[in-house]
Amino acid sequence: MLLLNVTYTMKPGMRDTFLKEVQAQGILDAVRQEDGCLQYAYYLPAEEDDTLLLVERWRDRAAQQAHLTTPHMAALGKIKADCVVDTQIVSGTAEE
C-alpha cells in the first residue's frame, strides 16, 4: 500500500475556496471511485488557517500514478494554481 501525506500551504484566505471548488467540481467523489484508491481525505489543522492536509492511501504506486493522469486531476491543478502557494509530499509504503 502507498501512503501519501500532502500538505498544501494556501494563499492567504483561500483554503475554504479551494475546498468548495474541489467539492463543487466532484473531484473528491471522482478520486474516491478510482481503481486502487483506499483513502482520499482532507484535514484542517486547528491552529493553521492557511494549511490543508490531504491523506491518500493507494493499493500500489501504479494506481496512484494512473490517478495523476485523470481529467479531474487536471481540474484540480487549475484550482491549486489559484489557491495554493506550496505543496509538500511525504510518502511511504505499508503492509495492509
PDB file of N, CA and C in Angstrom:
ATOM      1  N   MET A   1       0.854  -1.178   0.000  1.00  0.00           N
ATOM      2  CA  MET A   1       0.000   0.000   0.000  1.00  0.00           C
ATOM      3  C   MET A   1       0.899   1.240   0.000  1.00  0.00           C
ATOM      4  N   LEU A   2       0.516   2.230  -0.789  1.00  0.00           N
ATOM      5  CA  LEU A   2       1.231   3.505  -0.850  1.00  0.00           C
ATOM      6  C   LEU A   2       0.478   4.539  -0.012  1.00  0.00           C
ATOM      7  N   LEU A   3       1.213   5.205   0.864  1.00  0.00           N
ATOM      8  CA  LEU A   3       0.642   6.257   1.712  1.00  0.00           C
ATOM      9  C   LEU A   3       1.247   7.590   1.315  1.00  0.00           C
ATOM     10  N   LEU A   4       0.409   8.619   1.203  1.00  0.00           N
ATOM     11  CA  LEU A   4       0.874   9.970   0.902  1.00  0.00           C
ATOM     12  C   LEU A   4       0.226  10.950   1.868  1.00  0.00           C
ATOM     13  N   ASN A   5       1.043  11.788   2.483  1.00  0.00           N
ATOM     14  CA  ASN A   5       0.552  12.938   3.239  1.00  0.00           C
ATOM     15  C   ASN A   5       0.977  14.166   2.452  1.00  0.00           C
ATOM     16  N   VAL A   6       0.008  14.882   1.936  1.00  0.00           N
ATOM     17  CA  VAL A   6       0.256  16.050   1.104  1.00  0.00           C
ATOM     18  C   VAL A   6      -0.168  17.285   1.891  1.00  0.00           C
ATOM     19  N   THR A   7       0.776  18.173   2.163  1.00  0.00           N
ATOM     20  CA  THR A   7       0.466  19.394   2.896  1.00  0.00           C
ATOM     21  C   THR A   7       0.479  20.560   1.928  1.00  0.00           C
ATOM     22  N   TYR A   8      -0.657  21.209   1.806  1.00  0.00           N
ATOM     23  CA  TYR A   8      -0.780  22.411   0.980  1.00  0.00           C
ATOM     24  C   TYR A   8      -0.652  23.639   1.868  1.00  0.00           C
ATOM     25  N   THR A   9       0.177  24.583   1.457  1.00  0.00           N
ATOM     26  CA  THR A   9       0.188  25.912   2.058  1.00  0.00           C
ATOM     27  C   THR A   9      -0.630  26.784   1.113  1.00  0.00           C
ATOM     28  N   MET A  10      -1.716  27.306   1.634  1.00  0.00           N
ATOM     29  CA  MET A  10      -2.664  28.049   0.816  1.00  0.00           C
ATOM     30  C   MET A  10      -2.278  29.521   0.710  1.00  0.00           C
ATOM     31  N   LYS A  11      -2.710  30.152  -0.366  1.00  0.00           N
ATOM     32  CA  LYS A  11      -2.650  31.609  -0.419  1.00  0.00           C
ATOM     33  C   LYS A  11      -3.545  32.117   0.712  1.00  0.00           C
ATOM     34  N   PRO A  12      -3.214  33.248   1.324  1.00  0.00           N
ATOM     35  CA  PRO A  12      -3.996  33.728   2.469  1.00  0.00           C
ATOM     36  C   PRO A  12      -5.500  33.770   2.176  1.00  0.00           C
ATOM     37  N   GLY A  13      -6.255  33.119   3.060  1.00  0.00           N
ATOM     38  CA  GLY A  13      -7.710  33.133   2.969  1.00  0.00           C
ATOM     39  C   GLY A  13      -8.317  32.253   1.892  1.00  0.00           C
ATOM     40  N   MET A  14      -7.528  31.395   1.231  1.00  0.00           N
ATOM     41  CA  MET A  14      -8.028  30.621   0.091  1.00  0.00           C
ATOM     42  C   MET A  14      -8.394  29.174   0.416  1.00  0.00           C
ATOM     43  N   ARG A  15      -8.202  28.730   1.656  1.00  0.00           N
ATOM     44  CA  ARG A  15      -8.480  27.328   1.974  1.00  0.00           C
ATOM     45  C   ARG A  15      -9.940  26.968   1.733  1.00  0.00           C
ATOM     46  N   ASP A  16     -10.866  27.783   2.209  1.00  0.00           N
ATOM     47  CA  ASP A  16     -12.285  27.482   2.024  1.00  0.00           C
ATOM     48  C   ASP A  16     -12.667  27.491   0.554  1.00  0.00           C
ATOM     49  N   THR A  17     -12.128  28.429  -0.206  1.00  0.00           N
ATOM     50  CA  THR A  17     -12.397  28.487  -1.642  1.00  0.00           C
ATOM     51  C   THR A  17     -11.915  27.207  -2.315  1.00  0.00           C
ATOM     52  N   PHE A  18     -10.709  26.769  -1.975  1.00  0.00           N
ATOM     53  CA  PHE A  18     -10.151  25.539  -2.526  1.00  0.00           C
ATOM     54  C   PHE A  18     -11.086  24.359  -2.250  1.00  0.00           C
ATOM     55  N   LEU A  19     -11.467  24.181  -0.993  1.00  0.00           N
ATOM     56  CA  LEU A  19     -12.313  23.048  -0.615  1.00  0.00           C
ATOM     57  C   LEU A  19     -13.680  23.105  -1.290  1.00  0.00           C
ATOM     58  N   LYS A  20     -14.266  24.282  -1.391  1.00  0.00           N
ATOM     59  CA  LYS A  20     -15.567  24.419  -2.052  1.00  0.00           C
ATOM     60  C   LYS A  20     -15.475  24.073  -3.526  1.00  0.00           C
ATOM     61  N   GLU A  21     -14.409  24.507  -4.201  1.00  0.00           N
ATOM     62  CA  GLU A  21     -14.238  24.212  -5.624  1.00  0.00           C
ATOM     63  C   GLU A  21     -14.006  22.720  -5.861  1.00  0.00           C
ATOM     64  N   VAL A  22     -13.197  22.100  -5.028  1.00  0.00           N
ATOM     65  CA  VAL A  22     -12.946  20.670  -5.161  1.00  0.00           C
ATOM     66  C   VAL A  22     -14.258  19.895  -5.022  1.00  0.00           C
ATOM     67  N   GLN A  23     -15.068  20.290  -4.052  1.00  0.00           N
ATOM     68  CA  GLN A  23     -16.358  19.637  -3.841  1.00  0.00           C
ATOM     69  C   GLN A  23     -17.320  19.927  -4.995  1.00  0.00           C
ATOM     70  N   ALA A  24     -17.406  21.190  -5.397  1.00  0.00           N
ATOM     71  CA  ALA A  24     -18.353  21.590  -6.444  1.00  0.00           C
ATOM     72  C   ALA A  24     -18.058  20.903  -7.781  1.00  0.00           C
ATOM     73  N   GLN A  25     -16.787  20.665  -8.065  1.00  0.00           N
ATOM     74  CA  GLN A  25     -16.421  20.036  -9.337  1.00  0.00           C
ATOM     75  C   GLN A  25     -16.428  18.507  -9.276  1.00  0.00           C
ATOM     76  N   GLY A  26     -16.809  17.952  -8.127  1.00  0.00           N
ATOM     77  CA  GLY A  26     -16.936  16.499  -7.999  1.00  0.00           C
ATOM     78  C   GLY A  26     -15.607  15.760  -7.952  1.00  0.00           C
ATOM     79  N   ILE A  27     -14.534  16.471  -7.637  1.00  0.00           N
ATOM     80  CA  ILE A  27     -13.205  15.855  -7.661  1.00  0.00           C
ATOM     81  C   ILE A  27     -13.059  14.791  -6.576  1.00  0.00           C
ATOM     82  N   LEU A  28     -13.539  15.066  -5.366  1.00  0.00           N
ATOM     83  CA  LEU A  28     -13.419  14.080  -4.286  1.00  0.00           C
ATOM     84  C   LEU A  28     -14.100  12.766  -4.652  1.00  0.00           C
ATOM     85  N   ASP A  29     -15.328  12.845  -5.124  1.00  0.00           N
ATOM     86  CA  ASP A  29     -16.057  11.631  -5.486  1.00  0.00           C
ATOM     87  C   ASP A  29     -15.358  10.888  -6.617  1.00  0.00           C
ATOM     88  N   ALA A  30     -14.871  11.628  -7.604  1.00  0.00           N
ATOM     89  CA  ALA A  30     -14.204  11.001  -8.739  1.00  0.00           C
ATOM     90  C   ALA A  30     -12.948  10.262  -8.304  1.00  0.00           C
ATOM     91  N   VAL A  31     -12.144  10.889  -7.455  1.00  0.00           N
ATOM     92  CA  VAL A  31     -10.914  10.241  -6.984  1.00  0.00           C
ATOM     93  C   VAL A  31     -11.256   9.011  -6.160  1.00  0.00           C
ATOM     94  N   ARG A  32     -12.210   9.130  -5.275  1.00  0.00           N
ATOM     95  CA  ARG A  32     -12.558   8.014  -4.386  1.00  0.00           C
ATOM     96  C   ARG A  32     -13.107   6.814  -5.144  1.00  0.00           C
ATOM     97  N   GLN A  33     -13.587   7.030  -6.360  1.00  0.00           N
ATOM     98  CA  GLN A  33     -14.103   5.930  -7.181  1.00  0.00           C
ATOM     99  C   GLN A  33     -13.028   5.305  -8.072  1.00  0.00           C
ATOM    100  N   GLU A  34     -11.838   5.870  -8.081  1.00  0.00           N
ATOM    101  CA  GLU A  34     -10.771   5.325  -8.918  1.00  0.00           C
ATOM    102  C   GLU A  34     -10.335   3.951  -8.418  1.00  0.00           C
ATOM    103  N   ASP A  35      -9.963   3.097  -9.375  1.00  0.00           N
ATOM    104  CA  ASP A  35      -9.430   1.788  -9.049  1.00  0.00           C
ATOM    105  C   ASP A  35      -8.157   1.948  -8.223  1.00  0.00           C
ATOM    106  N   GLY A  36      -8.113   1.315  -7.069  1.00  0.00           N
ATOM    107  CA  GLY A  36      -6.916   1.354  -6.230  1.00  0.00           C
ATOM    108  C   GLY A  36      -6.911   2.430  -5.165  1.00  0.00           C
ATOM    109  N   CYS A  37      -7.901   3.326  -5.157  1.00  0.00           N
ATOM    110  CA  CYS A  37      -7.965   4.364  -4.124  1.00  0.00           C
ATOM    111  C   CYS A  37      -8.574   3.771  -2.857  1.00  0.00           C
ATOM    112  N   LEU A  38      -7.810   3.816  -1.787  1.00  0.00           N
ATOM    113  CA  LEU A  38      -8.272   3.309  -0.497  1.00  0.00           C
ATOM    114  C   LEU A  38      -8.697   4.438   0.446  1.00  0.00           C
ATOM    115  N   GLN A  39      -8.110   5.618   0.284  1.00  0.00           N
ATOM    116  CA  GLN A  39      -8.472   6.788   1.091  1.00  0.00           C
ATOM    117  C   GLN A  39      -8.016   8.038   0.354  1.00  0.00           C
ATOM    118  N   TYR A  40      -8.848   9.071   0.409  1.00  0.00           N
ATOM    119  CA  TYR A  40      -8.510  10.386  -0.143  1.00  0.00           C
ATOM    120  C   TYR A  40      -9.324  11.379   0.670  1.00  0.00           C
ATOM    121  N   ALA A  41      -8.679  12.010   1.662  1.00  0.00           N
ATOM    122  CA  ALA A  41      -9.420  12.853   2.605  1.00  0.00           C
ATOM    123  C   ALA A  41      -8.599  14.079   2.989  1.00  0.00           C
ATOM    124  N   TYR A  42      -9.281  15.201   3.078  1.00  0.00           N
ATOM    125  CA  TYR A  42      -8.667  16.457   3.513  1.00  0.00           C
ATOM    126  C   TYR A  42      -8.897  16.664   5.006  1.00  0.00           C
ATOM    127  N   TYR A  43      -7.874  17.207   5.685  1.00  0.00           N
ATOM    128  CA  TYR A  43      -7.951  17.515   7.110  1.00  0.00           C
ATOM    129  C   TYR A  43      -7.466  18.943   7.334  1.00  0.00           C
ATOM    130  N   LEU A  44      -8.098  19.627   8.285  1.00  0.00           N
ATOM    131  CA  LEU A  44      -7.781  21.019   8.572  1.00  0.00           C
ATOM    132  C   LEU A  44      -7.027  21.126   9.892  1.00  0.00           C
ATOM    133  N   PRO A  45      -5.753  21.546   9.874  1.00  0.00           N
ATOM    134  CA  PRO A  45      -5.038  21.760  11.131  1.00  0.00           C
ATOM    135  C   PRO A  45      -5.726  22.863  11.940  1.00  0.00           C
ATOM    136  N   ALA A  46      -5.978  22.601  13.208  1.00  0.00           N
ATOM    137  CA  ALA A  46      -6.746  23.523  14.055  1.00  0.00           C
ATOM    138  C   ALA A  46      -6.087  24.887  14.205  1.00  0.00           C
ATOM    139  N   GLU A  47      -4.762  24.931  14.274  1.00  0.00           N
ATOM    140  CA  GLU A  47      -4.074  26.197  14.535  1.00  0.00           C
ATOM    141  C   GLU A  47      -3.507  26.863  13.286  1.00  0.00           C
ATOM    142  N   GLU A  48      -3.767  26.318  12.108  1.00  0.00           N
ATOM    143  CA  GLU A  48      -3.153  26.848  10.891  1.00  0.00           C
ATOM    144  C   GLU A  48      -4.221  27.123   9.835  1.00  0.00           C
ATOM    145  N   ASP A  49      -4.639  28.364   9.714  1.00  0.00           N
ATOM    146  CA  ASP A  49      -5.721  28.729   8.805  1.00  0.00           C
ATOM    147  C   ASP A  49      -5.372  28.560   7.327  1.00  0.00           C
ATOM    148  N   ASP A  50      -4.106  28.620   6.984  1.00  0.00           N
ATOM    149  CA  ASP A  50      -3.721  28.557   5.576  1.00  0.00           C
ATOM    150  C   ASP A  50      -2.980  27.269   5.229  1.00  0.00           C
ATOM    151  N   THR A  51      -3.262  26.209   5.989  1.00  0.00           N
ATOM    152  CA  THR A  51      -2.672  24.901   5.732  1.00  0.00           C
ATOM    153  C   THR A  51      -3.789  23.881   5.560  1.00  0.00           C
ATOM    154  N   LEU A  52      -3.546  22.915   4.692  1.00  0.00           N
ATOM    155  CA  LEU A  52      -4.510  21.853   4.439  1.00  0.00           C
ATOM    156  C   LEU A  52      -3.735  20.553   4.264  1.00  0.00           C
ATOM    157  N   LEU A  53      -4.171  19.495   4.920  1.00  0.00           N
ATOM    158  CA  LEU A  53      -3.527  18.194   4.807  1.00  0.00           C
ATOM    159  C   LEU A  53      -4.413  17.255   4.008  1.00  0.00           C
ATOM    160  N   LEU A  54      -3.841  16.631   3.001  1.00  0.00           N
ATOM    161  CA  LEU A  54      -4.520  15.599   2.216  1.00  0.00           C
ATOM    162  C   LEU A  54      -3.852  14.268   2.546  1.00  0.00           C
ATOM    163  N   VAL A  55      -4.652  13.295   2.986  1.00  0.00           N
ATOM    164  CA  VAL A  55      -4.146  11.955   3.260  1.00  0.00           C
ATOM    165  C   VAL A  55      -4.661  11.035   2.157  1.00  0.00           C
ATOM    166  N   GLU A  56      -3.708  10.404   1.465  1.00  0.00           N
ATOM    167  CA  GLU A  56      -4.048   9.475   0.388  1.00  0.00           C
ATOM    168  C   GLU A  56      -3.496   8.096   0.720  1.00  0.00           C
ATOM    169  N   ARG A  57      -4.297   7.067   0.439  1.00  0.00           N
ATOM    170  CA  ARG A  57      -3.831   5.679   0.511  1.00  0.00           C
ATOM    171  C   ARG A  57      -4.238   4.996  -0.783  1.00  0.00           C
ATOM    172  N   TRP A  58      -3.264   4.360  -1.424  1.00  0.00           N
ATOM    173  CA  TRP A  58      -3.477   3.688  -2.700  1.00  0.00           C
ATOM    174  C   TRP A  58      -3.051   2.236  -2.599  1.00  0.00           C
ATOM    175  N   ARG A  59      -3.687   1.380  -3.370  1.00  0.00           N
ATOM    176  CA  ARG A  59      -3.340  -0.037  -3.393  1.00  0.00           C
ATOM    177  C   ARG A  59      -1.859  -0.219  -3.712  1.00  0.00           C
ATOM    178  N   ASP A  60      -1.362   0.579  -4.683  1.00  0.00           N
ATOM    179  CA  ASP A  60       0.040   0.500  -5.076  1.00  0.00           C
ATOM    180  C   ASP A  60       0.407   1.764  -5.856  1.00  0.00           C
ATOM    181  N   ARG A  61       1.683   1.910  -6.156  1.00  0.00           N
ATOM    182  CA  ARG A  61       2.161   3.099  -6.865  1.00  0.00           C
ATOM    183  C   ARG A  61       1.545   3.205  -8.264  1.00  0.00           C
ATOM    184  N   ALA A  62       1.317   2.088  -8.926  1.00  0.00           N
ATOM    185  CA  ALA A  62       0.728   2.121 -10.269  1.00  0.00           C
ATOM    186  C   ALA A  62      -0.660   2.768 -10.250  1.00  0.00           C
ATOM    187  N   ALA A  63      -1.470   2.444  -9.249  1.00  0.00           N
ATOM    188  CA  ALA A  63      -2.808   3.047  -9.132  1.00  0.00           C
ATOM    189  C   ALA A  63      -2.693   4.548  -8.899  1.00  0.00           C
ATOM    190  N   GLN A  64      -1.746   4.955  -8.065  1.00  0.00           N
ATOM    191  CA  GLN A  64      -1.568   6.384  -7.779  1.00  0.00           C
ATOM    192  C   GLN A  64      -1.059   7.115  -9.011  1.00  0.00           C
ATOM    193  N   GLN A  65      -0.178   6.501  -9.768  1.00  0.00           N
ATOM    194  CA  GLN A  65       0.344   7.137 -10.978  1.00  0.00           C
ATOM    195  C   GLN A  65      -0.752   7.280 -12.037  1.00  0.00           C
ATOM    196  N   ALA A  66      -1.623   6.276 -12.162  1.00  0.00           N
ATOM    197  CA  ALA A  66      -2.758   6.375 -13.092  1.00  0.00           C
ATOM    198  C   ALA A  66      -3.685   7.512 -12.675  1.00  0.00           C
ATOM    199  N   HIS A  67      -3.867   7.680 -11.383  1.00  0.00           N
ATOM    200  CA  HIS A  67      -4.696   8.752 -10.829  1.00  0.00           C
ATOM    201  C   HIS A  67      -4.225  10.131 -11.313  1.00  0.00           C
ATOM    202  N   LEU A  68      -2.934  10.313 -11.424  1.00  0.00           N
ATOM    203  CA  LEU A  68      -2.382  11.615 -11.819  1.00  0.00           C
ATOM    204  C   LEU A  68      -2.716  11.998 -13.253  1.00  0.00           C
ATOM    205  N   THR A  69      -3.130  11.044 -14.078  1.00  0.00           N
ATOM    206  CA  THR A  69      -3.412  11.311 -15.494  1.00  0.00           C
ATOM    207  C   THR A  69      -4.893  11.537 -15.781  1.00  0.00           C
ATOM    208  N   THR A  70      -5.733  11.551 -14.749  1.00  0.00           N
ATOM    209  CA  THR A  70      -7.177  11.669 -14.955  1.00  0.00           C
ATOM    210  C   THR A  70      -7.597  13.120 -15.231  1.00  0.00           C
ATOM    211  N   PRO A  71      -8.716  13.295 -15.929  1.00  0.00           N
ATOM    212  CA  PRO A  71      -9.211  14.657 -16.191  1.00  0.00           C
ATOM    213  C   PRO A  71      -9.510  15.444 -14.915  1.00  0.00           C
ATOM    214  N   HIS A  72     -10.006  14.786 -13.874  1.00  0.00           N
ATOM    215  CA  HIS A  72     -10.310  15.521 -12.639  1.00  0.00           C
ATOM    216  C   HIS A  72      -9.043  16.001 -11.943  1.00  0.00           C
ATOM    217  N   MET A  73      -7.928  15.356 -12.178  1.00  0.00           N
ATOM    218  CA  MET A  73      -6.674  15.861 -11.604  1.00  0.00           C
ATOM    219  C   MET A  73      -6.192  17.092 -12.379  1.00  0.00           C
ATOM    220  N   ALA A  74      -6.475  17.157 -13.669  1.00  0.00           N
ATOM    221  CA  ALA A  74      -6.175  18.377 -14.430  1.00  0.00           C
ATOM    222  C   ALA A  74      -7.007  19.536 -13.886  1.00  0.00           C
ATOM    223  N   ALA A  75      -8.280  19.261 -13.568  1.00  0.00           N
ATOM    224  CA  ALA A  75      -9.146  20.294 -12.985  1.00  0.00           C
ATOM    225  C   ALA A  75      -8.615  20.722 -11.617  1.00  0.00           C
ATOM    226  N   LEU A  76      -8.129  19.767 -10.827  1.00  0.00           N
ATOM    227  CA  LEU A  76      -7.561  20.098  -9.523  1.00  0.00           C
ATOM    228  C   LEU A  76      -6.330  20.981  -9.677  1.00  0.00           C
ATOM    229  N   GLY A  77      -5.537  20.724 -10.705  1.00  0.00           N
ATOM    230  CA  GLY A  77      -4.356  21.552 -10.956  1.00  0.00           C
ATOM    231  C   GLY A  77      -4.713  23.015 -11.162  1.00  0.00           C
ATOM    232  N   LYS A  78      -5.830  23.262 -11.839  1.00  0.00           N
ATOM    233  CA  LYS A  78      -6.269  24.646 -12.059  1.00  0.00           C
ATOM    234  C   LYS A  78      -6.702  25.294 -10.740  1.00  0.00           C
ATOM    235  N   ILE A  79      -7.379  24.539  -9.896  1.00  0.00           N
ATOM    236  CA  ILE A  79      -7.791  25.061  -8.588  1.00  0.00           C
ATOM    237  C   ILE A  79      -6.552  25.352  -7.741  1.00  0.00           C
ATOM    238  N   LYS A  80      -5.594  24.431  -7.757  1.00  0.00           N
ATOM    239  CA  LYS A  80      -4.363  24.631  -6.990  1.00  0.00           C
ATOM    240  C   LYS A  80      -3.624  25.880  -7.462  1.00  0.00           C
ATOM    241  N   ALA A  81      -3.598  26.131  -8.760  1.00  0.00           N
ATOM    242  CA  ALA A  81      -2.908  27.311  -9.280  1.00  0.00           C
ATOM    243  C   ALA A  81      -3.499  28.591  -8.708  1.00  0.00           C
ATOM    244  N   ASP A  82      -4.800  28.593  -8.459  1.00  0.00           N
ATOM    245  CA  ASP A  82      -5.467  29.770  -7.906  1.00  0.00           C
ATOM    246  C   ASP A  82      -5.321  29.889  -6.387  1.00  0.00           C
ATOM    247  N   CYS A  83      -5.159  28.759  -5.701  1.00  0.00           N
ATOM    248  CA  CYS A  83      -5.302  28.752  -4.242  1.00  0.00           C
ATOM    249  C   CYS A  83      -4.061  28.345  -3.443  1.00  0.00           C
ATOM    250  N   VAL A  84      -3.114  27.651  -4.049  1.00  0.00           N
ATOM    251  CA  VAL A  84      -2.011  27.031  -3.303  1.00  0.00           C
ATOM    252  C   VAL A  84      -0.682  27.690  -3.669  1.00  0.00           C
ATOM    253  N   VAL A  85       0.154  27.960  -2.652  1.00  0.00           N
ATOM    254  CA  VAL A  85       1.483  28.517  -2.914  1.00  0.00           C
ATOM    255  C   VAL A  85       2.590  27.478  -2.773  1.00  0.00           C
ATOM    256  N   ASP A  86       2.340  26.390  -2.017  1.00  0.00           N
ATOM    257  CA  ASP A  86       3.383  25.381  -1.834  1.00  0.00           C
ATOM    258  C   ASP A  86       2.738  24.034  -1.530  1.00  0.00           C
ATOM    259  N   THR A  87       3.391  22.970  -2.003  1.00  0.00           N
ATOM    260  CA  THR A  87       2.934  21.609  -1.755  1.00  0.00           C
ATOM    261  C   THR A  87       4.113  20.776  -1.271  1.00  0.00           C
ATOM    262  N   GLN A  88       3.938  20.116  -0.134  1.00  0.00           N
ATOM    263  CA  GLN A  88       4.944  19.204   0.409  1.00  0.00           C
ATOM    264  C   GLN A  88       4.334  17.803   0.470  1.00  0.00           C
ATOM    265  N   ILE A  89       5.074  16.806  -0.026  1.00  0.00           N
ATOM    266  CA  ILE A  89       4.569  15.434  -0.054  1.00  0.00           C
ATOM    267  C   ILE A  89       5.509  14.532   0.735  1.00  0.00           C
ATOM    268  N   VAL A  90       4.938  13.762   1.644  1.00  0.00           N
ATOM    269  CA  VAL A  90       5.667  12.734   2.373  1.00  0.00           C
ATOM    270  C   VAL A  90       5.014  11.408   1.989  1.00  0.00           C
ATOM    271  N   SER A  91       5.823  10.479   1.478  1.00  0.00           N
ATOM    272  CA  SER A  91       5.258   9.196   1.047  1.00  0.00           C
ATOM    273  C   SER A  91       5.942   8.040   1.753  1.00  0.00           C
ATOM    274  N   GLY A  92       5.243   6.927   1.755  1.00  0.00           N
ATOM    275  CA  GLY A  92       5.766   5.708   2.338  1.00  0.00           C
ATOM    276  C   GLY A  92       4.919   4.532   1.904  1.00  0.00           C
ATOM    277  N   THR A  93       5.363   3.363   2.235  1.00  0.00           N
ATOM    278  CA  THR A  93       4.601   2.151   1.927  1.00  0.00           C
ATOM    279  C   THR A  93       4.332   1.424   3.223  1.00  0.00           C
ATOM    280  N   ALA A  94       3.275   0.612   3.199  1.00  0.00           N
ATOM    281  CA  ALA A  94       2.912  -0.149   4.396  1.00  0.00           C
ATOM    282  C   ALA A  94       2.242  -1.445   3.968  1.00  0.00           C
ATOM    283  N   GLU A  95       2.373  -2.441   4.793  1.00  0.00           N
ATOM    284  CA  GLU A  95       1.646  -3.695   4.618  1.00  0.00           C
ATOM    285  C   GLU A  95       0.215  -3.466   5.096  1.00  0.00           C
ATOM    286  N   GLU A  96      -0.729  -4.072   4.433  1.00  0.00           N
ATOM    287  CA  GLU A  96      -2.121  -3.936   4.888  1.00  0.00           C
ATOM    288  C   GLU A  96      -2.380  -4.835   6.053  1.00  0.00           C
TER     289      GLU A  96
END
